[in-house]
Amino acid sequence: LDNLFKDFKIVLLENIRFYKEEEKND
């Protein structure tokens, strides 16, 4: 991410609900 931020100010991650761990608060 640090390398991405050399060229971009904002990074959007993929849908957080693609991960079962999200709703489990893993």
mmCIF file of all heavy atoms, coordinates in Angstrom:
data_MODEL
# 
_entry.id   MODEL 
# 
loop_
_atom_site.group_PDB 
_atom_site.id 
_atom_site.type_symbol 
_atom_site.label_atom_id 
_atom_site.label_alt_id 
_atom_site.label_comp_id 
_atom_site.label_asym_id 
_atom_site.label_entity_id 
_atom_site.label_seq_id 
_atom_site.pdbx_PDB_ins_code 
_atom_site.Cartn_x 
_atom_site.Cartn_y 
_atom_site.Cartn_z 
_atom_site.occupancy 
_atom_site.B_iso_or_equiv 
_atom_site.pdbx_formal_charge 
_atom_site.auth_seq_id 
_atom_site.auth_comp_id 
_atom_site.auth_asym_id 
_atom_site.auth_atom_id 
_atom_site.pdbx_PDB_model_num 
ATOM 1   N N   . LEU A 1 1  ? 0.826   -1.206  0.000  1.00 0.00 ? 1  LEU A N   1 
ATOM 2   C CA  . LEU A 1 1  ? 0.000   0.000   0.000  1.00 0.00 ? 1  LEU A CA  1 
ATOM 3   C C   . LEU A 1 1  ? 0.862   1.259   0.000  1.00 0.00 ? 1  LEU A C   1 
ATOM 4   O O   . LEU A 1 1  ? 0.543   2.249   -0.668 1.00 0.00 ? 1  LEU A O   1 
ATOM 5   C CB  . LEU A 1 1  ? -0.941  0.005   1.212  1.00 0.00 ? 1  LEU A CB  1 
ATOM 6   C CG  . LEU A 1 1  ? -2.096  -0.995  1.190  1.00 0.00 ? 1  LEU A CG  1 
ATOM 7   C CD1 . LEU A 1 1  ? -2.862  -0.941  2.514  1.00 0.00 ? 1  LEU A CD1 1 
ATOM 8   C CD2 . LEU A 1 1  ? -3.053  -0.716  0.034  1.00 0.00 ? 1  LEU A CD2 1 
ATOM 9   N N   . ASP A 1 2  ? 1.966   1.213   0.748  1.00 0.00 ? 2  ASP A N   1 
ATOM 10  C CA  . ASP A 1 2  ? 2.872   2.369   0.783  1.00 0.00 ? 2  ASP A CA  1 
ATOM 11  C C   . ASP A 1 2  ? 3.357   2.715   -0.623 1.00 0.00 ? 2  ASP A C   1 
ATOM 12  O O   . ASP A 1 2  ? 3.456   3.889   -0.994 1.00 0.00 ? 2  ASP A O   1 
ATOM 13  C CB  . ASP A 1 2  ? 4.074   2.077   1.688  1.00 0.00 ? 2  ASP A CB  1 
ATOM 14  C CG  . ASP A 1 2  ? 3.700   2.037   3.160  1.00 0.00 ? 2  ASP A CG  1 
ATOM 15  O OD1 . ASP A 1 2  ? 2.635   2.606   3.512  1.00 0.00 ? 2  ASP A OD1 1 
ATOM 16  O OD2 . ASP A 1 2  ? 4.457   1.433   3.945  1.00 0.00 ? 2  ASP A OD2 1 
ATOM 17  N N   . ASN A 1 3  ? 3.648   1.697   -1.426 1.00 0.00 ? 3  ASN A N   1 
ATOM 18  C CA  . ASN A 1 3  ? 4.095   1.927   -2.796 1.00 0.00 ? 3  ASN A CA  1 
ATOM 19  C C   . ASN A 1 3  ? 2.971   2.506   -3.653 1.00 0.00 ? 3  ASN A C   1 
ATOM 20  O O   . ASN A 1 3  ? 3.210   3.374   -4.500 1.00 0.00 ? 3  ASN A O   1 
ATOM 21  C CB  . ASN A 1 3  ? 4.610   0.619   -3.409 1.00 0.00 ? 3  ASN A CB  1 
ATOM 22  C CG  . ASN A 1 3  ? 5.988   0.240   -2.893 1.00 0.00 ? 3  ASN A CG  1 
ATOM 23  O OD1 . ASN A 1 3  ? 6.808   1.111   -2.595 1.00 0.00 ? 3  ASN A OD1 1 
ATOM 24  N ND2 . ASN A 1 3  ? 6.242   -1.053  -2.767 1.00 0.00 ? 3  ASN A ND2 1 
ATOM 25  N N   . LEU A 1 4  ? 1.753   2.016   -3.444 1.00 0.00 ? 4  LEU A N   1 
ATOM 26  C CA  . LEU A 1 4  ? 0.606   2.562   -4.186 1.00 0.00 ? 4  LEU A CA  1 
ATOM 27  C C   . LEU A 1 4  ? 0.415   4.045   -3.877 1.00 0.00 ? 4  LEU A C   1 
ATOM 28  O O   . LEU A 1 4  ? 0.093   4.843   -4.764 1.00 0.00 ? 4  LEU A O   1 
ATOM 29  C CB  . LEU A 1 4  ? -0.672  1.794   -3.840 1.00 0.00 ? 4  LEU A CB  1 
ATOM 30  C CG  . LEU A 1 4  ? -0.851  0.400   -4.437 1.00 0.00 ? 4  LEU A CG  1 
ATOM 31  C CD1 . LEU A 1 4  ? -2.178  -0.197  -3.965 1.00 0.00 ? 4  LEU A CD1 1 
ATOM 32  C CD2 . LEU A 1 4  ? -0.824  0.450   -5.961 1.00 0.00 ? 4  LEU A CD2 1 
ATOM 33  N N   . PHE A 1 5  ? 0.612   4.399   -2.616 1.00 0.00 ? 5  PHE A N   1 
ATOM 34  C CA  . PHE A 1 5  ? 0.373   5.784   -2.196 1.00 0.00 ? 5  PHE A CA  1 
ATOM 35  C C   . PHE A 1 5  ? 1.444   6.766   -2.705 1.00 0.00 ? 5  PHE A C   1 
ATOM 36  O O   . PHE A 1 5  ? 1.302   7.965   -2.534 1.00 0.00 ? 5  PHE A O   1 
ATOM 37  C CB  . PHE A 1 5  ? 0.243   5.872   -0.681 1.00 0.00 ? 5  PHE A CB  1 
ATOM 38  C CG  . PHE A 1 5  ? -1.082  5.364   -0.161 1.00 0.00 ? 5  PHE A CG  1 
ATOM 39  C CD1 . PHE A 1 5  ? -1.126  4.429   0.854  1.00 0.00 ? 5  PHE A CD1 1 
ATOM 40  C CD2 . PHE A 1 5  ? -2.275  5.823   -0.707 1.00 0.00 ? 5  PHE A CD2 1 
ATOM 41  C CE1 . PHE A 1 5  ? -2.341  3.959   1.338  1.00 0.00 ? 5  PHE A CE1 1 
ATOM 42  C CE2 . PHE A 1 5  ? -3.496  5.349   -0.243 1.00 0.00 ? 5  PHE A CE2 1 
ATOM 43  C CZ  . PHE A 1 5  ? -3.532  4.423   0.778  1.00 0.00 ? 5  PHE A CZ  1 
ATOM 44  N N   . LYS A 1 6  ? 2.458   6.238   -3.356 1.00 0.00 ? 6  LYS A N   1 
ATOM 45  C CA  . LYS A 1 6  ? 3.416   7.126   -4.019 1.00 0.00 ? 6  LYS A CA  1 
ATOM 46  C C   . LYS A 1 6  ? 2.801   7.747   -5.272 1.00 0.00 ? 6  LYS A C   1 
ATOM 47  O O   . LYS A 1 6  ? 3.205   8.824   -5.710 1.00 0.00 ? 6  LYS A O   1 
ATOM 48  C CB  . LYS A 1 6  ? 4.688   6.346   -4.381 1.00 0.00 ? 6  LYS A CB  1 
ATOM 49  C CG  . LYS A 1 6  ? 5.511   5.913   -3.185 1.00 0.00 ? 6  LYS A CG  1 
ATOM 50  C CD  . LYS A 1 6  ? 6.711   5.068   -3.621 1.00 0.00 ? 6  LYS A CD  1 
ATOM 51  C CE  . LYS A 1 6  ? 7.507   4.591   -2.403 1.00 0.00 ? 6  LYS A CE  1 
ATOM 52  N NZ  . LYS A 1 6  ? 8.654   3.730   -2.826 1.00 0.00 ? 6  LYS A NZ  1 
ATOM 53  N N   . ASP A 1 7  ? 1.802   7.037   -5.822 1.00 0.00 ? 7  ASP A N   1 
ATOM 54  C CA  . ASP A 1 7  ? 1.156   7.493   -7.057 1.00 0.00 ? 7  ASP A CA  1 
ATOM 55  C C   . ASP A 1 7  ? -0.318  7.860   -6.887 1.00 0.00 ? 7  ASP A C   1 
ATOM 56  O O   . ASP A 1 7  ? -0.878  8.561   -7.727 1.00 0.00 ? 7  ASP A O   1 
ATOM 57  C CB  . ASP A 1 7  ? 1.272   6.408   -8.136 1.00 0.00 ? 7  ASP A CB  1 
ATOM 58  C CG  . ASP A 1 7  ? 2.712   6.083   -8.478 1.00 0.00 ? 7  ASP A CG  1 
ATOM 59  O OD1 . ASP A 1 7  ? 3.482   7.035   -8.730 1.00 0.00 ? 7  ASP A OD1 1 
ATOM 60  O OD2 . ASP A 1 7  ? 3.063   4.887   -8.481 1.00 0.00 ? 7  ASP A OD2 1 
ATOM 61  N N   . PHE A 1 8  ? -0.956  7.366   -5.818 1.00 0.00 ? 8  PHE A N   1 
ATOM 62  C CA  . PHE A 1 8  ? -2.391  7.600   -5.617 1.00 0.00 ? 8  PHE A CA  1 
ATOM 63  C C   . PHE A 1 8  ? -2.653  8.079   -4.193 1.00 0.00 ? 8  PHE A C   1 
ATOM 64  O O   . PHE A 1 8  ? -1.974  7.675   -3.255 1.00 0.00 ? 8  PHE A O   1 
ATOM 65  C CB  . PHE A 1 8  ? -3.193  6.320   -5.885 1.00 0.00 ? 8  PHE A CB  1 
ATOM 66  C CG  . PHE A 1 8  ? -3.007  5.754   -7.264 1.00 0.00 ? 8  PHE A CG  1 
ATOM 67  C CD1 . PHE A 1 8  ? -2.071  4.753   -7.491 1.00 0.00 ? 8  PHE A CD1 1 
ATOM 68  C CD2 . PHE A 1 8  ? -3.750  6.222   -8.335 1.00 0.00 ? 8  PHE A CD2 1 
ATOM 69  C CE1 . PHE A 1 8  ? -1.874  4.228   -8.756 1.00 0.00 ? 8  PHE A CE1 1 
ATOM 70  C CE2 . PHE A 1 8  ? -3.568  5.707   -9.607 1.00 0.00 ? 8  PHE A CE2 1 
ATOM 71  C CZ  . PHE A 1 8  ? -2.625  4.708   -9.826 1.00 0.00 ? 8  PHE A CZ  1 
ATOM 72  N N   . LYS A 1 9  ? -3.680  8.932   -4.047 1.00 0.00 ? 9  LYS A N   1 
ATOM 73  C CA  . LYS A 1 9  ? -4.051  9.422   -2.719 1.00 0.00 ? 9  LYS A CA  1 
ATOM 74  C C   . LYS A 1 9  ? -5.111  8.544   -2.064 1.00 0.00 ? 9  LYS A C   1 
ATOM 75  O O   . LYS A 1 9  ? -5.248  8.524   -0.843 1.00 0.00 ? 9  LYS A O   1 
ATOM 76  C CB  . LYS A 1 9  ? -4.585  10.851  -2.824 1.00 0.00 ? 9  LYS A CB  1 
ATOM 77  C CG  . LYS A 1 9  ? -3.582  11.865  -3.350 1.00 0.00 ? 9  LYS A CG  1 
ATOM 78  C CD  . LYS A 1 9  ? -4.239  13.223  -3.510 1.00 0.00 ? 9  LYS A CD  1 
ATOM 79  C CE  . LYS A 1 9  ? -3.277  14.248  -4.089 1.00 0.00 ? 9  LYS A CE  1 
ATOM 80  N NZ  . LYS A 1 9  ? -3.947  15.561  -4.320 1.00 0.00 ? 9  LYS A NZ  1 
ATOM 81  N N   . ILE A 1 10 ? -5.889  7.841   -2.905 1.00 0.00 ? 10 ILE A N   1 
ATOM 82  C CA  . ILE A 1 10 ? -6.996  7.026   -2.397 1.00 0.00 ? 10 ILE A CA  1 
ATOM 83  C C   . ILE A 1 10 ? -6.941  5.634   -3.008 1.00 0.00 ? 10 ILE A C   1 
ATOM 84  O O   . ILE A 1 10 ? -6.834  5.481   -4.228 1.00 0.00 ? 10 ILE A O   1 
ATOM 85  C CB  . ILE A 1 10 ? -8.366  7.663   -2.729 1.00 0.00 ? 10 ILE A CB  1 
ATOM 86  C CG1 . ILE A 1 10 ? -8.438  9.106   -2.220 1.00 0.00 ? 10 ILE A CG1 1 
ATOM 87  C CG2 . ILE A 1 10 ? -9.495  6.827   -2.128 1.00 0.00 ? 10 ILE A CG2 1 
ATOM 88  C CD1 . ILE A 1 10 ? -9.704  9.836   -2.650 1.00 0.00 ? 10 ILE A CD1 1 
ATOM 89  N N   . VAL A 1 11 ? -7.020  4.609   -2.165 1.00 0.00 ? 11 VAL A N   1 
ATOM 90  C CA  . VAL A 1 11 ? -7.083  3.218   -2.613 1.00 0.00 ? 11 VAL A CA  1 
ATOM 91  C C   . VAL A 1 11 ? -8.394  2.619   -2.114 1.00 0.00 ? 11 VAL A C   1 
ATOM 92  O O   . VAL A 1 11 ? -8.707  2.707   -0.916 1.00 0.00 ? 11 VAL A O   1 
ATOM 93  C CB  . VAL A 1 11 ? -5.892  2.396   -2.090 1.00 0.00 ? 11 VAL A CB  1 
ATOM 94  C CG1 . VAL A 1 11 ? -6.075  0.912   -2.425 1.00 0.00 ? 11 VAL A CG1 1 
ATOM 95  C CG2 . VAL A 1 11 ? -4.592  2.915   -2.671 1.00 0.00 ? 11 VAL A CG2 1 
ATOM 96  N N   . LEU A 1 12 ? -9.144  2.030   -3.022 1.00 0.00 ? 12 LEU A N   1 
ATOM 97  C CA  . LEU A 1 12 ? -10.403 1.366   -2.682 1.00 0.00 ? 12 LEU A CA  1 
ATOM 98  C C   . LEU A 1 12 ? -10.183 -0.139  -2.702 1.00 0.00 ? 12 LEU A C   1 
ATOM 99  O O   . LEU A 1 12 ? -9.811  -0.710  -3.728 1.00 0.00 ? 12 LEU A O   1 
ATOM 100 C CB  . LEU A 1 12 ? -11.488 1.749   -3.692 1.00 0.00 ? 12 LEU A CB  1 
ATOM 101 C CG  . LEU A 1 12 ? -12.827 0.998   -3.608 1.00 0.00 ? 12 LEU A CG  1 
ATOM 102 C CD1 . LEU A 1 12 ? -13.529 1.280   -2.279 1.00 0.00 ? 12 LEU A CD1 1 
ATOM 103 C CD2 . LEU A 1 12 ? -13.728 1.375   -4.787 1.00 0.00 ? 12 LEU A CD2 1 
ATOM 104 N N   . LEU A 1 13 ? -10.411 -0.795  -1.573 1.00 0.00 ? 13 LEU A N   1 
ATOM 105 C CA  . LEU A 1 13 ? -10.267 -2.243  -1.491 1.00 0.00 ? 13 LEU A CA  1 
ATOM 106 C C   . LEU A 1 13 ? -11.530 -2.937  -1.985 1.00 0.00 ? 13 LEU A C   1 
ATOM 107 O O   . LEU A 1 13 ? -12.617 -2.355  -2.006 1.00 0.00 ? 13 LEU A O   1 
ATOM 108 C CB  . LEU A 1 13 ? -9.966  -2.666  -0.050 1.00 0.00 ? 13 LEU A CB  1 
ATOM 109 C CG  . LEU A 1 13 ? -8.720  -2.051  0.601  1.00 0.00 ? 13 LEU A CG  1 
ATOM 110 C CD1 . LEU A 1 13 ? -8.530  -2.628  2.000  1.00 0.00 ? 13 LEU A CD1 1 
ATOM 111 C CD2 . LEU A 1 13 ? -7.475  -2.272  -0.252 1.00 0.00 ? 13 LEU A CD2 1 
ATOM 112 N N   . GLU A 1 14 ? -11.379 -4.207  -2.377 1.00 0.00 ? 14 GLU A N   1 
ATOM 113 C CA  . GLU A 1 14 ? -12.517 -4.977  -2.863 1.00 0.00 ? 14 GLU A CA  1 
ATOM 114 C C   . GLU A 1 14 ? -13.548 -5.188  -1.747 1.00 0.00 ? 14 GLU A C   1 
ATOM 115 O O   . GLU A 1 14 ? -13.237 -5.052  -0.553 1.00 0.00 ? 14 GLU A O   1 
ATOM 116 C CB  . GLU A 1 14 ? -12.020 -6.320  -3.417 1.00 0.00 ? 14 GLU A CB  1 
ATOM 117 C CG  . GLU A 1 14 ? -13.078 -7.221  -4.035 1.00 0.00 ? 14 GLU A CG  1 
ATOM 118 C CD  . GLU A 1 14 ? -13.862 -6.599  -5.186 1.00 0.00 ? 14 GLU A CD  1 
ATOM 119 O OE1 . GLU A 1 14 ? -14.755 -5.766  -4.905 1.00 0.00 ? 14 GLU A OE1 1 
ATOM 120 O OE2 . GLU A 1 14 ? -13.604 -6.966  -6.352 1.00 0.00 ? 14 GLU A OE2 1 
ATOM 121 N N   . ASN A 1 15 ? -14.767 -5.469  -2.146 1.00 0.00 ? 15 ASN A N   1 
ATOM 122 C CA  . ASN A 1 15 ? -15.925 -5.659  -1.264 1.00 0.00 ? 15 ASN A CA  1 
ATOM 123 C C   . ASN A 1 15 ? -15.570 -6.428  0.012  1.00 0.00 ? 15 ASN A C   1 
ATOM 124 O O   . ASN A 1 15 ? -15.202 -7.598  -0.031 1.00 0.00 ? 15 ASN A O   1 
ATOM 125 C CB  . ASN A 1 15 ? -17.013 -6.402  -2.043 1.00 0.00 ? 15 ASN A CB  1 
ATOM 126 C CG  . ASN A 1 15 ? -18.349 -6.397  -1.345 1.00 0.00 ? 15 ASN A CG  1 
ATOM 127 O OD1 . ASN A 1 15 ? -18.450 -6.186  -0.141 1.00 0.00 ? 15 ASN A OD1 1 
ATOM 128 N ND2 . ASN A 1 15 ? -19.404 -6.629  -2.104 1.00 0.00 ? 15 ASN A ND2 1 
ATOM 129 N N   . ILE A 1 16 ? -15.695 -5.773  1.153  1.00 0.00 ? 16 ILE A N   1 
ATOM 130 C CA  . ILE A 1 16 ? -15.303 -6.362  2.430  1.00 0.00 ? 16 ILE A CA  1 
ATOM 131 C C   . ILE A 1 16 ? -16.168 -7.573  2.797  1.00 0.00 ? 16 ILE A C   1 
ATOM 132 O O   . ILE A 1 16 ? -15.745 -8.443  3.565  1.00 0.00 ? 16 ILE A O   1 
ATOM 133 C CB  . ILE A 1 16 ? -15.346 -5.297  3.562  1.00 0.00 ? 16 ILE A CB  1 
ATOM 134 C CG1 . ILE A 1 16 ? -14.615 -5.784  4.829  1.00 0.00 ? 16 ILE A CG1 1 
ATOM 135 C CG2 . ILE A 1 16 ? -16.783 -4.893  3.887  1.00 0.00 ? 16 ILE A CG2 1 
ATOM 136 C CD1 . ILE A 1 16 ? -13.143 -5.890  4.666  1.00 0.00 ? 16 ILE A CD1 1 
ATOM 137 N N   . ARG A 1 17 ? -17.359 -7.657  2.224  1.00 0.00 ? 17 ARG A N   1 
ATOM 138 C CA  . ARG A 1 17 ? -18.234 -8.795  2.530  1.00 0.00 ? 17 ARG A CA  1 
ATOM 139 C C   . ARG A 1 17 ? -17.960 -10.009 1.644  1.00 0.00 ? 17 ARG A C   1 
ATOM 140 O O   . ARG A 1 17 ? -18.692 -10.994 1.706  1.00 0.00 ? 17 ARG A O   1 
ATOM 141 C CB  . ARG A 1 17 ? -19.702 -8.374  2.448  1.00 0.00 ? 17 ARG A CB  1 
ATOM 142 C CG  . ARG A 1 17 ? -20.103 -7.485  3.610  1.00 0.00 ? 17 ARG A CG  1 
ATOM 143 C CD  . ARG A 1 17 ? -21.584 -7.257  3.693  1.00 0.00 ? 17 ARG A CD  1 
ATOM 144 N NE  . ARG A 1 17 ? -21.910 -6.340  4.782  1.00 0.00 ? 17 ARG A NE  1 
ATOM 145 C CZ  . ARG A 1 17 ? -23.098 -5.768  4.943  1.00 0.00 ? 17 ARG A CZ  1 
ATOM 146 N NH1 . ARG A 1 17 ? -24.085 -6.018  4.083  1.00 0.00 ? 17 ARG A NH1 1 
ATOM 147 N NH2 . ARG A 1 17 ? -23.329 -4.950  5.952  1.00 0.00 ? 17 ARG A NH2 1 
ATOM 148 N N   . PHE A 1 18 ? -16.887 -9.936  0.846  1.00 0.00 ? 18 PHE A N   1 
ATOM 149 C CA  . PHE A 1 18 ? -16.419 -11.133 0.159  1.00 0.00 ? 18 PHE A CA  1 
ATOM 150 C C   . PHE A 1 18 ? -15.726 -12.079 1.140  1.00 0.00 ? 18 PHE A C   1 
ATOM 151 O O   . PHE A 1 18 ? -15.418 -13.224 0.804  1.00 0.00 ? 18 PHE A O   1 
ATOM 152 C CB  . PHE A 1 18 ? -15.429 -10.764 -0.954 1.00 0.00 ? 18 PHE A CB  1 
ATOM 153 C CG  . PHE A 1 18 ? -16.070 -10.296 -2.237 1.00 0.00 ? 18 PHE A CG  1 
ATOM 154 C CD1 . PHE A 1 18 ? -15.285 -9.918  -3.313 1.00 0.00 ? 18 PHE A CD1 1 
ATOM 155 C CD2 . PHE A 1 18 ? -17.450 -10.236 -2.381 1.00 0.00 ? 18 PHE A CD2 1 
ATOM 156 C CE1 . PHE A 1 18 ? -15.847 -9.484  -4.504 1.00 0.00 ? 18 PHE A CE1 1 
ATOM 157 C CE2 . PHE A 1 18 ? -18.033 -9.799  -3.562 1.00 0.00 ? 18 PHE A CE2 1 
ATOM 158 C CZ  . PHE A 1 18 ? -17.230 -9.427  -4.634 1.00 0.00 ? 18 PHE A CZ  1 
ATOM 159 N N   . TYR A 1 19 ? -15.486 -11.584 2.335  1.00 0.00 ? 19 TYR A N   1 
ATOM 160 C CA  . TYR A 1 19 ? -14.726 -12.333 3.339  1.00 0.00 ? 19 TYR A CA  1 
ATOM 161 C C   . TYR A 1 19 ? -15.633 -12.728 4.503  1.00 0.00 ? 19 TYR A C   1 
ATOM 162 O O   . TYR A 1 19 ? -16.230 -11.872 5.158  1.00 0.00 ? 19 TYR A O   1 
ATOM 163 C CB  . TYR A 1 19 ? -13.549 -11.492 3.842  1.00 0.00 ? 19 TYR A CB  1 
ATOM 164 C CG  . TYR A 1 19 ? -12.703 -10.944 2.717  1.00 0.00 ? 19 TYR A CG  1 
ATOM 165 C CD1 . TYR A 1 19 ? -12.985 -9.683  2.175  1.00 0.00 ? 19 TYR A CD1 1 
ATOM 166 C CD2 . TYR A 1 19 ? -11.669 -11.690 2.169  1.00 0.00 ? 19 TYR A CD2 1 
ATOM 167 C CE1 . TYR A 1 19 ? -12.234 -9.187  1.119  1.00 0.00 ? 19 TYR A CE1 1 
ATOM 168 C CE2 . TYR A 1 19 ? -10.903 -11.199 1.114  1.00 0.00 ? 19 TYR A CE2 1 
ATOM 169 C CZ  . TYR A 1 19 ? -11.201 -9.936  0.589  1.00 0.00 ? 19 TYR A CZ  1 
ATOM 170 O OH  . TYR A 1 19 ? -10.467 -9.450  -0.459 1.00 0.00 ? 19 TYR A OH  1 
ATOM 171 N N   . LYS A 1 20 ? -15.706 -14.035 4.757  1.00 0.00 ? 20 LYS A N   1 
ATOM 172 C CA  . LYS A 1 20 ? -16.543 -14.524 5.858  1.00 0.00 ? 20 LYS A CA  1 
ATOM 173 C C   . LYS A 1 20 ? -16.094 -13.957 7.203  1.00 0.00 ? 20 LYS A C   1 
ATOM 174 O O   . LYS A 1 20 ? -16.902 -13.788 8.124  1.00 0.00 ? 20 LYS A O   1 
ATOM 175 C CB  . LYS A 1 20 ? -16.510 -16.054 5.904  1.00 0.00 ? 20 LYS A CB  1 
ATOM 176 C CG  . LYS A 1 20 ? -17.263 -16.737 4.762  1.00 0.00 ? 20 LYS A CG  1 
ATOM 177 C CD  . LYS A 1 20 ? -17.222 -18.250 4.927  1.00 0.00 ? 20 LYS A CD  1 
ATOM 178 C CE  . LYS A 1 20 ? -18.166 -18.938 3.923  1.00 0.00 ? 20 LYS A CE  1 
ATOM 179 N NZ  . LYS A 1 20 ? -17.767 -18.719 2.535  1.00 0.00 ? 20 LYS A NZ  1 
ATOM 180 N N   . GLU A 1 21 ? -14.820 -13.630 7.290  1.00 0.00 ? 21 GLU A N   1 
ATOM 181 C CA  . GLU A 1 21 ? -14.272 -13.117 8.547  1.00 0.00 ? 21 GLU A CA  1 
ATOM 182 C C   . GLU A 1 21 ? -14.861 -11.754 8.926  1.00 0.00 ? 21 GLU A C   1 
ATOM 183 O O   . GLU A 1 21 ? -14.855 -11.379 10.102 1.00 0.00 ? 21 GLU A O   1 
ATOM 184 C CB  . GLU A 1 21 ? -12.750 -12.977 8.441  1.00 0.00 ? 21 GLU A CB  1 
ATOM 185 C CG  . GLU A 1 21 ? -12.012 -14.266 8.143  1.00 0.00 ? 21 GLU A CG  1 
ATOM 186 C CD  . GLU A 1 21 ? -11.726 -14.433 6.655  1.00 0.00 ? 21 GLU A CD  1 
ATOM 187 O OE1 . GLU A 1 21 ? -12.555 -13.981 5.835  1.00 0.00 ? 21 GLU A OE1 1 
ATOM 188 O OE2 . GLU A 1 21 ? -10.674 -15.009 6.318  1.00 0.00 ? 21 GLU A OE2 1 
ATOM 189 N N   . GLU A 1 22 ? -15.367 -11.018 7.932  1.00 0.00 ? 22 GLU A N   1 
ATOM 190 C CA  . GLU A 1 22 ? -15.927 -9.692  8.210  1.00 0.00 ? 22 GLU A CA  1 
ATOM 191 C C   . GLU A 1 22 ? -17.103 -9.779  9.165  1.00 0.00 ? 22 GLU A C   1 
ATOM 192 O O   . GLU A 1 22 ? -17.127 -9.123  10.203 1.00 0.00 ? 22 GLU A O   1 
ATOM 193 C CB  . GLU A 1 22 ? -16.345 -9.025  6.897  1.00 0.00 ? 22 GLU A CB  1 
ATOM 194 C CG  . GLU A 1 22 ? -17.311 -7.859  7.023  1.00 0.00 ? 22 GLU A CG  1 
ATOM 195 C CD  . GLU A 1 22 ? -16.735 -6.619  7.678  1.00 0.00 ? 22 GLU A CD  1 
ATOM 196 O OE1 . GLU A 1 22 ? -15.549 -6.624  8.084  1.00 0.00 ? 22 GLU A OE1 1 
ATOM 197 O OE2 . GLU A 1 22 ? -17.476 -5.628  7.796  1.00 0.00 ? 22 GLU A OE2 1 
ATOM 198 N N   . GLU A 1 23 ? -18.092 -10.577 8.836  1.00 0.00 ? 23 GLU A N   1 
ATOM 199 C CA  . GLU A 1 23 ? -19.297 -10.647 9.669  1.00 0.00 ? 23 GLU A CA  1 
ATOM 200 C C   . GLU A 1 23 ? -19.052 -11.423 10.960 1.00 0.00 ? 23 GLU A C   1 
ATOM 201 O O   . GLU A 1 23 ? -19.799 -11.265 11.921 1.00 0.00 ? 23 GLU A O   1 
ATOM 202 C CB  . GLU A 1 23 ? -20.452 -11.250 8.870  1.00 0.00 ? 23 GLU A CB  1 
ATOM 203 C CG  . GLU A 1 23 ? -20.861 -10.372 7.690  1.00 0.00 ? 23 GLU A CG  1 
ATOM 204 C CD  . GLU A 1 23 ? -22.149 -10.809 7.023  1.00 0.00 ? 23 GLU A CD  1 
ATOM 205 O OE1 . GLU A 1 23 ? -22.929 -11.546 7.665  1.00 0.00 ? 23 GLU A OE1 1 
ATOM 206 O OE2 . GLU A 1 23 ? -22.381 -10.421 5.860  1.00 0.00 ? 23 GLU A OE2 1 
ATOM 207 N N   . LYS A 1 24 ? -18.013 -12.242 10.978 1.00 0.00 ? 24 LYS A N   1 
ATOM 208 C CA  . LYS A 1 24 ? -17.658 -12.965 12.203 1.00 0.00 ? 24 LYS A CA  1 
ATOM 209 C C   . LYS A 1 24 ? -16.831 -12.100 13.153 1.00 0.00 ? 24 LYS A C   1 
ATOM 210 O O   . LYS A 1 24 ? -16.573 -12.499 14.285 1.00 0.00 ? 24 LYS A O   1 
ATOM 211 C CB  . LYS A 1 24 ? -16.873 -14.232 11.856 1.00 0.00 ? 24 LYS A CB  1 
ATOM 212 C CG  . LYS A 1 24 ? -17.687 -15.287 11.111 1.00 0.00 ? 24 LYS A CG  1 
ATOM 213 C CD  . LYS A 1 24 ? -16.819 -16.489 10.770 1.00 0.00 ? 24 LYS A CD  1 
ATOM 214 C CE  . LYS A 1 24 ? -17.615 -17.553 10.031 1.00 0.00 ? 24 LYS A CE  1 
ATOM 215 N NZ  . LYS A 1 24 ? -16.766 -18.716 9.662  1.00 0.00 ? 24 LYS A NZ  1 
ATOM 216 N N   . ASN A 1 25 ? -16.389 -10.933 12.659 1.00 0.00 ? 25 ASN A N   1 
ATOM 217 C CA  . ASN A 1 25 ? -15.493 -10.060 13.433 1.00 0.00 ? 25 ASN A CA  1 
ATOM 218 C C   . ASN A 1 25 ? -14.268 -10.845 13.899 1.00 0.00 ? 25 ASN A C   1 
ATOM 219 O O   . ASN A 1 25 ? -13.832 -10.745 15.052 1.00 0.00 ? 25 ASN A O   1 
ATOM 220 C CB  . ASN A 1 25 ? -16.229 -9.448  14.631 1.00 0.00 ? 25 ASN A CB  1 
ATOM 221 C CG  . ASN A 1 25 ? -15.527 -8.214  15.187 1.00 0.00 ? 25 ASN A CG  1 
ATOM 222 O OD1 . ASN A 1 25 ? -14.553 -7.722  14.612 1.00 0.00 ? 25 ASN A OD1 1 
ATOM 223 N ND2 . ASN A 1 25 ? -15.989 -7.736  16.333 1.00 0.00 ? 25 ASN A ND2 1 
ATOM 224 N N   . ASP A 1 26 ? -13.727 -11.628 12.964 1.00 0.00 ? 26 ASP A N   1 
ATOM 225 C CA  . ASP A 1 26 ? -12.592 -12.502 13.245 1.00 0.00 ? 26 ASP A CA  1 
ATOM 226 C C   . ASP A 1 26 ? -11.364 -11.686 13.655 1.00 0.00 ? 26 ASP A C   1 
ATOM 227 O O   . ASP A 1 26 ? -10.954 -10.750 12.962 1.00 0.00 ? 26 ASP A O   1 
ATOM 228 C CB  . ASP A 1 26 ? -12.277 -13.322 11.986 1.00 0.00 ? 26 ASP A CB  1 
ATOM 229 C CG  . ASP A 1 26 ? -11.116 -14.250 12.165 1.00 0.00 ? 26 ASP A CG  1 
ATOM 230 O OD1 . ASP A 1 26 ? -11.316 -15.348 12.708 1.00 0.00 ? 26 ASP A OD1 1 
ATOM 231 O OD2 . ASP A 1 26 ? -9.995  -13.862 11.770 1.00 0.00 ? 26 ASP A OD2 1 
# 
